[in-house]
């Protein structure tokens, strides 16, 4: 990365990032073989500050997590019945985010990760529960059809046939 240009009688220093000459900037900071102008430093500081704001916003979402009873009430608005599933999901989601918060604090207590498998007949509300939780937590939700990936191909067929 060349940051010096040969002039008519002397070498002129240039910012290694934007290429501006030393004469056209207020200050040029030298490093080992590179130079950076005050304008590029200011731009870098703005980028770092924006990233810091995004990190603090992500941490703020975790702090605003509703209690399990509040999560269940929200699920009650969308899904009729399935009270046991709603309670289990509400507690699991709450514990998941608490675990993330605990890991950020680097505490001594280690919380175990847990998973949930929703099993039930068609139309029982499994997908609606997951979609509602995703909307509540403002996280992405994706649905994938895995029937093409299995030997059976379609639900209900036996793998042996």
C-alpha atoms as a PDB file:
ATOM      1  CA  UNK A   1       0.000   0.000   0.000  1.00  0.00           C
ATOM      2  CA  UNK A   2       1.888   3.033  -1.214  1.00  0.00           C
ATOM      3  CA  UNK A   3       1.148   6.126   0.753  1.00  0.00           C
ATOM      4  CA  UNK A   4       3.928   8.353  -0.516  1.00  0.00           C
ATOM      5  CA  UNK A   5       3.986   9.858  -3.991  1.00  0.00           C
ATOM      6  CA  UNK A   6       7.078  11.323  -5.573  1.00  0.00           C
ATOM      7  CA  UNK A   7       6.571  14.975  -6.213  1.00  0.00           C
ATOM      8  CA  UNK A   8       8.688  17.355  -8.244  1.00  0.00           C
ATOM      9  CA  UNK A   9      11.175  17.893  -5.429  1.00  0.00           C
ATOM     10  CA  UNK A  10       9.793  16.114  -2.332  1.00  0.00           C
ATOM     11  CA  UNK A  11       7.648  13.154  -1.304  1.00  0.00           C
ATOM     12  CA  UNK A  12       3.997  13.923  -0.464  1.00  0.00           C
ATOM     13  CA  UNK A  13       2.165  11.879   2.158  1.00  0.00           C
ATOM     14  CA  UNK A  14      -1.321  10.483   1.422  1.00  0.00           C
ATOM     15  CA  UNK A  15      -4.053   8.880   3.506  1.00  0.00           C
ATOM     16  CA  UNK A  16      -3.860   5.130   2.902  1.00  0.00           C
ATOM     17  CA  UNK A  17      -7.675   4.890   3.030  1.00  0.00           C
ATOM     18  CA  UNK A  18      -9.079   7.788   0.991  1.00  0.00           C
ATOM     19  CA  UNK A  19      -5.939   8.908  -0.864  1.00  0.00           C
ATOM     20  CA  UNK A  20      -6.137  12.584   0.137  1.00  0.00           C
ATOM     21  CA  UNK A  21      -2.836  14.424   0.351  1.00  0.00           C
ATOM     22  CA  UNK A  22      -1.449  15.754   3.614  1.00  0.00           C
ATOM     23  CA  UNK A  23      -2.050  19.345   2.465  1.00  0.00           C
ATOM     24  CA  UNK A  24      -5.815  18.782   1.985  1.00  0.00           C
ATOM     25  CA  UNK A  25      -6.546  17.345   5.457  1.00  0.00           C
ATOM     26  CA  UNK A  26      -6.231  18.802   8.950  1.00  0.00           C
ATOM     27  CA  UNK A  27      -4.147  15.965  10.323  1.00  0.00           C
ATOM     28  CA  UNK A  28      -2.465  12.818   9.033  1.00  0.00           C
ATOM     29  CA  UNK A  29      -1.676  10.123  11.591  1.00  0.00           C
ATOM     30  CA  UNK A  30       1.251   7.846  10.763  1.00  0.00           C
ATOM     31  CA  UNK A  31       1.433   4.137  11.448  1.00  0.00           C
ATOM     32  CA  UNK A  32       3.982   1.534  10.391  1.00  0.00           C
ATOM     33  CA  UNK A  33       4.001   2.148   6.636  1.00  0.00           C
ATOM     34  CA  UNK A  34       0.471   3.602   6.527  1.00  0.00           C
ATOM     35  CA  UNK A  35      -1.228   6.937   7.114  1.00  0.00           C
ATOM     36  CA  UNK A  36      -4.806   7.837   8.016  1.00  0.00           C
ATOM     37  CA  UNK A  37      -6.396  11.282   7.868  1.00  0.00           C
ATOM     38  CA  UNK A  38      -8.637  12.869  10.502  1.00  0.00           C
ATOM     39  CA  UNK A  39     -11.690  12.518   8.224  1.00  0.00           C
ATOM     40  CA  UNK A  40     -11.235   8.736   7.894  1.00  0.00           C
ATOM     41  CA  UNK A  41     -10.691   8.464  11.653  1.00  0.00           C
ATOM     42  CA  UNK A  42     -13.955  10.338  12.220  1.00  0.00           C
ATOM     43  CA  UNK A  43     -15.771   8.043   9.786  1.00  0.00           C
ATOM     44  CA  UNK A  44     -14.377   4.958  11.575  1.00  0.00           C
ATOM     45  CA  UNK A  45     -15.518   6.327  14.934  1.00  0.00           C
ATOM     46  CA  UNK A  46     -19.049   6.827  13.566  1.00  0.00           C
ATOM     47  CA  UNK A  47     -19.149   3.245  12.264  1.00  0.00           C
ATOM     48  CA  UNK A  48     -17.977   1.871  15.618  1.00  0.00           C
ATOM     49  CA  UNK A  49     -20.523   4.015  17.492  1.00  0.00           C
ATOM     50  CA  UNK A  50     -23.361   2.712  15.267  1.00  0.00           C
ATOM     51  CA  UNK A  51     -22.296  -0.886  15.906  1.00  0.00           C
ATOM     52  CA  UNK A  52     -22.245  -0.175  19.644  1.00  0.00           C
ATOM     53  CA  UNK A  53     -25.802   1.182  19.459  1.00  0.00           C
ATOM     54  CA  UNK A  54     -26.951  -1.952  17.623  1.00  0.00           C
ATOM     55  CA  UNK A  55     -25.341  -4.155  20.288  1.00  0.00           C
ATOM     56  CA  UNK A  56     -27.030  -2.206  23.078  1.00  0.00           C
ATOM     57  CA  UNK A  57     -30.378  -2.420  21.240  1.00  0.00           C
ATOM     58  CA  UNK A  58     -30.015  -6.204  21.018  1.00  0.00           C
ATOM     59  CA  UNK A  59     -29.289  -6.378  24.747  1.00  0.00           C
ATOM     60  CA  UNK A  60     -32.312  -4.139  25.392  1.00  0.00           C
ATOM     61  CA  UNK A  61     -34.625  -6.605  23.636  1.00  0.00           C
ATOM     62  CA  UNK A  62     -33.521  -9.300  26.063  1.00  0.00           C
ATOM     63  CA  UNK A  63     -34.210  -7.055  29.046  1.00  0.00           C
ATOM     64  CA  UNK A  64     -37.765  -6.396  27.846  1.00  0.00           C
ATOM     65  CA  UNK A  65     -38.647 -10.095  27.713  1.00  0.00           C
ATOM     66  CA  UNK A  66     -42.094 -10.724  29.211  1.00  0.00           C
ATOM     67  CA  UNK A  67     -42.568 -13.163  32.087  1.00  0.00           C
ATOM     68  CA  UNK A  68     -43.826 -16.688  31.254  1.00  0.00           C
ATOM     69  CA  UNK A  69     -47.357 -15.816  32.422  1.00  0.00           C
ATOM     70  CA  UNK A  70     -47.415 -12.811  30.057  1.00  0.00           C
ATOM     71  CA  UNK A  71     -46.119 -14.944  27.179  1.00  0.00           C
ATOM     72  CA  UNK A  72     -48.900 -17.482  27.834  1.00  0.00           C
ATOM     73  CA  UNK A  73     -51.533 -14.706  27.843  1.00  0.00           C
ATOM     74  CA  UNK A  74     -50.328 -13.560  24.426  1.00  0.00           C
ATOM     75  CA  UNK A  75     -50.435 -17.144  23.131  1.00  0.00           C
ATOM     76  CA  UNK A  76     -53.980 -17.473  24.574  1.00  0.00           C
ATOM     77  CA  UNK A  77     -55.079 -14.644  22.258  1.00  0.00           C
ATOM     78  CA  UNK A  78     -54.065 -16.640  19.167  1.00  0.00           C
ATOM     79  CA  UNK A  79     -54.443 -20.335  20.053  1.00  0.00           C
ATOM     80  CA  UNK A  80     -57.469 -21.931  21.709  1.00  0.00           C
ATOM     81  CA  UNK A  81     -56.725 -24.822  24.049  1.00  0.00           C
ATOM     82  CA  UNK A  82     -53.285 -26.421  24.202  1.00  0.00           C
ATOM     83  CA  UNK A  83     -52.717 -24.940  27.681  1.00  0.00           C
ATOM     84  CA  UNK A  84     -49.975 -27.415  28.606  1.00  0.00           C
ATOM     85  CA  UNK A  85     -48.088 -26.680  25.384  1.00  0.00           C
ATOM     86  CA  UNK A  86     -48.449 -22.914  25.854  1.00  0.00           C
ATOM     87  CA  UNK A  87     -47.152 -23.118  29.435  1.00  0.00           C
ATOM     88  CA  UNK A  88     -44.202 -25.285  28.397  1.00  0.00           C
ATOM     89  CA  UNK A  89     -43.332 -22.980  25.499  1.00  0.00           C
ATOM     90  CA  UNK A  90     -43.648 -19.832  27.616  1.00  0.00           C
ATOM     91  CA  UNK A  91     -41.306 -21.197  30.280  1.00  0.00           C
ATOM     92  CA  UNK A  92     -38.862 -22.581  27.691  1.00  0.00           C
ATOM     93  CA  UNK A  93     -38.670 -19.276  25.802  1.00  0.00           C
ATOM     94  CA  UNK A  94     -38.208 -17.320  29.024  1.00  0.00           C
ATOM     95  CA  UNK A  95     -35.459 -19.691  30.201  1.00  0.00           C
ATOM     96  CA  UNK A  96     -33.767 -19.546  26.795  1.00  0.00           C
ATOM     97  CA  UNK A  97     -33.442 -15.763  26.935  1.00  0.00           C
ATOM     98  CA  UNK A  98     -32.394 -15.869  30.591  1.00  0.00           C
ATOM     99  CA  UNK A  99     -29.657 -18.315  29.570  1.00  0.00           C
ATOM    100  CA  UNK A 100     -28.466 -15.896  26.879  1.00  0.00           C
ATOM    101  CA  UNK A 101     -28.412 -13.032  29.399  1.00  0.00           C
ATOM    102  CA  UNK A 102     -26.482 -15.173  31.859  1.00  0.00           C
ATOM    103  CA  UNK A 103     -23.895 -16.053  29.195  1.00  0.00           C
ATOM    104  CA  UNK A 104     -23.438 -12.353  28.409  1.00  0.00           C
ATOM    105  CA  UNK A 105     -22.715 -11.637  32.060  1.00  0.00           C
ATOM    106  CA  UNK A 106     -20.140 -14.469  32.196  1.00  0.00           C
ATOM    107  CA  UNK A 107     -21.507 -15.672  35.517  1.00  0.00           C
ATOM    108  CA  UNK A 108     -20.356 -18.689  37.489  1.00  0.00           C
ATOM    109  CA  UNK A 109     -23.678 -20.511  37.175  1.00  0.00           C
ATOM    110  CA  UNK A 110     -24.063 -22.420  33.913  1.00  0.00           C
ATOM    111  CA  UNK A 111     -27.626 -22.914  32.680  1.00  0.00           C
ATOM    112  CA  UNK A 112     -28.361 -25.978  30.541  1.00  0.00           C
ATOM    113  CA  UNK A 113     -29.865 -25.596  27.090  1.00  0.00           C
ATOM    114  CA  UNK A 114     -33.185 -27.313  26.420  1.00  0.00           C
ATOM    115  CA  UNK A 115     -35.215 -28.063  23.306  1.00  0.00           C
ATOM    116  CA  UNK A 116     -38.914 -28.559  22.620  1.00  0.00           C
ATOM    117  CA  UNK A 117     -40.568 -30.806  20.057  1.00  0.00           C
ATOM    118  CA  UNK A 118     -44.175 -29.996  19.189  1.00  0.00           C
ATOM    119  CA  UNK A 119     -46.051 -33.149  18.225  1.00  0.00           C
ATOM    120  CA  UNK A 120     -49.721 -33.359  17.345  1.00  0.00           C
ATOM    121  CA  UNK A 121     -52.279 -33.870  14.604  1.00  0.00           C
ATOM    122  CA  UNK A 122     -52.790 -31.486  11.721  1.00  0.00           C
ATOM    123  CA  UNK A 123     -54.601 -28.317  12.756  1.00  0.00           C
ATOM    124  CA  UNK A 124     -53.806 -28.565  16.459  1.00  0.00           C
ATOM    125  CA  UNK A 125     -51.910 -25.244  16.491  1.00  0.00           C
ATOM    126  CA  UNK A 126     -48.232 -26.264  16.450  1.00  0.00           C
ATOM    127  CA  UNK A 127     -47.229 -23.895  13.660  1.00  0.00           C
ATOM    128  CA  UNK A 128     -49.423 -21.087  14.969  1.00  0.00           C
ATOM    129  CA  UNK A 129     -47.774 -21.330  18.402  1.00  0.00           C
ATOM    130  CA  UNK A 130     -44.305 -21.114  16.857  1.00  0.00           C
ATOM    131  CA  UNK A 131     -45.288 -18.240  14.535  1.00  0.00           C
ATOM    132  CA  UNK A 132     -46.865 -16.295  17.392  1.00  0.00           C
ATOM    133  CA  UNK A 133     -43.759 -16.712  19.545  1.00  0.00           C
ATOM    134  CA  UNK A 134     -41.548 -15.580  16.667  1.00  0.00           C
ATOM    135  CA  UNK A 135     -43.701 -12.479  16.161  1.00  0.00           C
ATOM    136  CA  UNK A 136     -43.682 -11.717  19.903  1.00  0.00           C
ATOM    137  CA  UNK A 137     -39.903 -12.068  20.160  1.00  0.00           C
ATOM    138  CA  UNK A 138     -39.250 -10.314  16.830  1.00  0.00           C
ATOM    139  CA  UNK A 139     -37.182 -13.213  15.493  1.00  0.00           C
ATOM    140  CA  UNK A 140     -37.326 -14.756  12.010  1.00  0.00           C
ATOM    141  CA  UNK A 141     -39.543 -17.769  11.400  1.00  0.00           C
ATOM    142  CA  UNK A 142     -39.083 -20.240   8.530  1.00  0.00           C
ATOM    143  CA  UNK A 143     -41.141 -23.231   7.438  1.00  0.00           C
ATOM    144  CA  UNK A 144     -39.488 -25.987   5.394  1.00  0.00           C
ATOM    145  CA  UNK A 145     -41.089 -29.034   3.800  1.00  0.00           C
ATOM    146  CA  UNK A 146     -38.892 -32.055   4.523  1.00  0.00           C
ATOM    147  CA  UNK A 147     -41.033 -34.660   2.737  1.00  0.00           C
ATOM    148  CA  UNK A 148     -38.793 -34.482  -0.341  1.00  0.00           C
ATOM    149  CA  UNK A 149     -35.786 -35.311   1.839  1.00  0.00           C
ATOM    150  CA  UNK A 150     -37.153 -38.546   3.287  1.00  0.00           C
ATOM    151  CA  UNK A 151     -37.240 -41.973   1.669  1.00  0.00           C
ATOM    152  CA  UNK A 152     -40.986 -42.209   2.200  1.00  0.00           C
ATOM    153  CA  UNK A 153     -41.580 -38.935   0.406  1.00  0.00           C
ATOM    154  CA  UNK A 154     -44.999 -38.199   1.865  1.00  0.00           C
ATOM    155  CA  UNK A 155     -46.459 -38.290   5.345  1.00  0.00           C
ATOM    156  CA  UNK A 156     -48.156 -41.579   6.118  1.00  0.00           C
ATOM    157  CA  UNK A 157     -46.141 -43.777   3.770  1.00  0.00           C
ATOM    158  CA  UNK A 158     -43.932 -46.455   5.256  1.00  0.00           C
ATOM    159  CA  UNK A 159     -40.196 -46.243   4.535  1.00  0.00           C
ATOM    160  CA  UNK A 160     -40.150 -49.989   3.754  1.00  0.00           C
ATOM    161  CA  UNK A 161     -42.713 -49.646   0.886  1.00  0.00           C
END
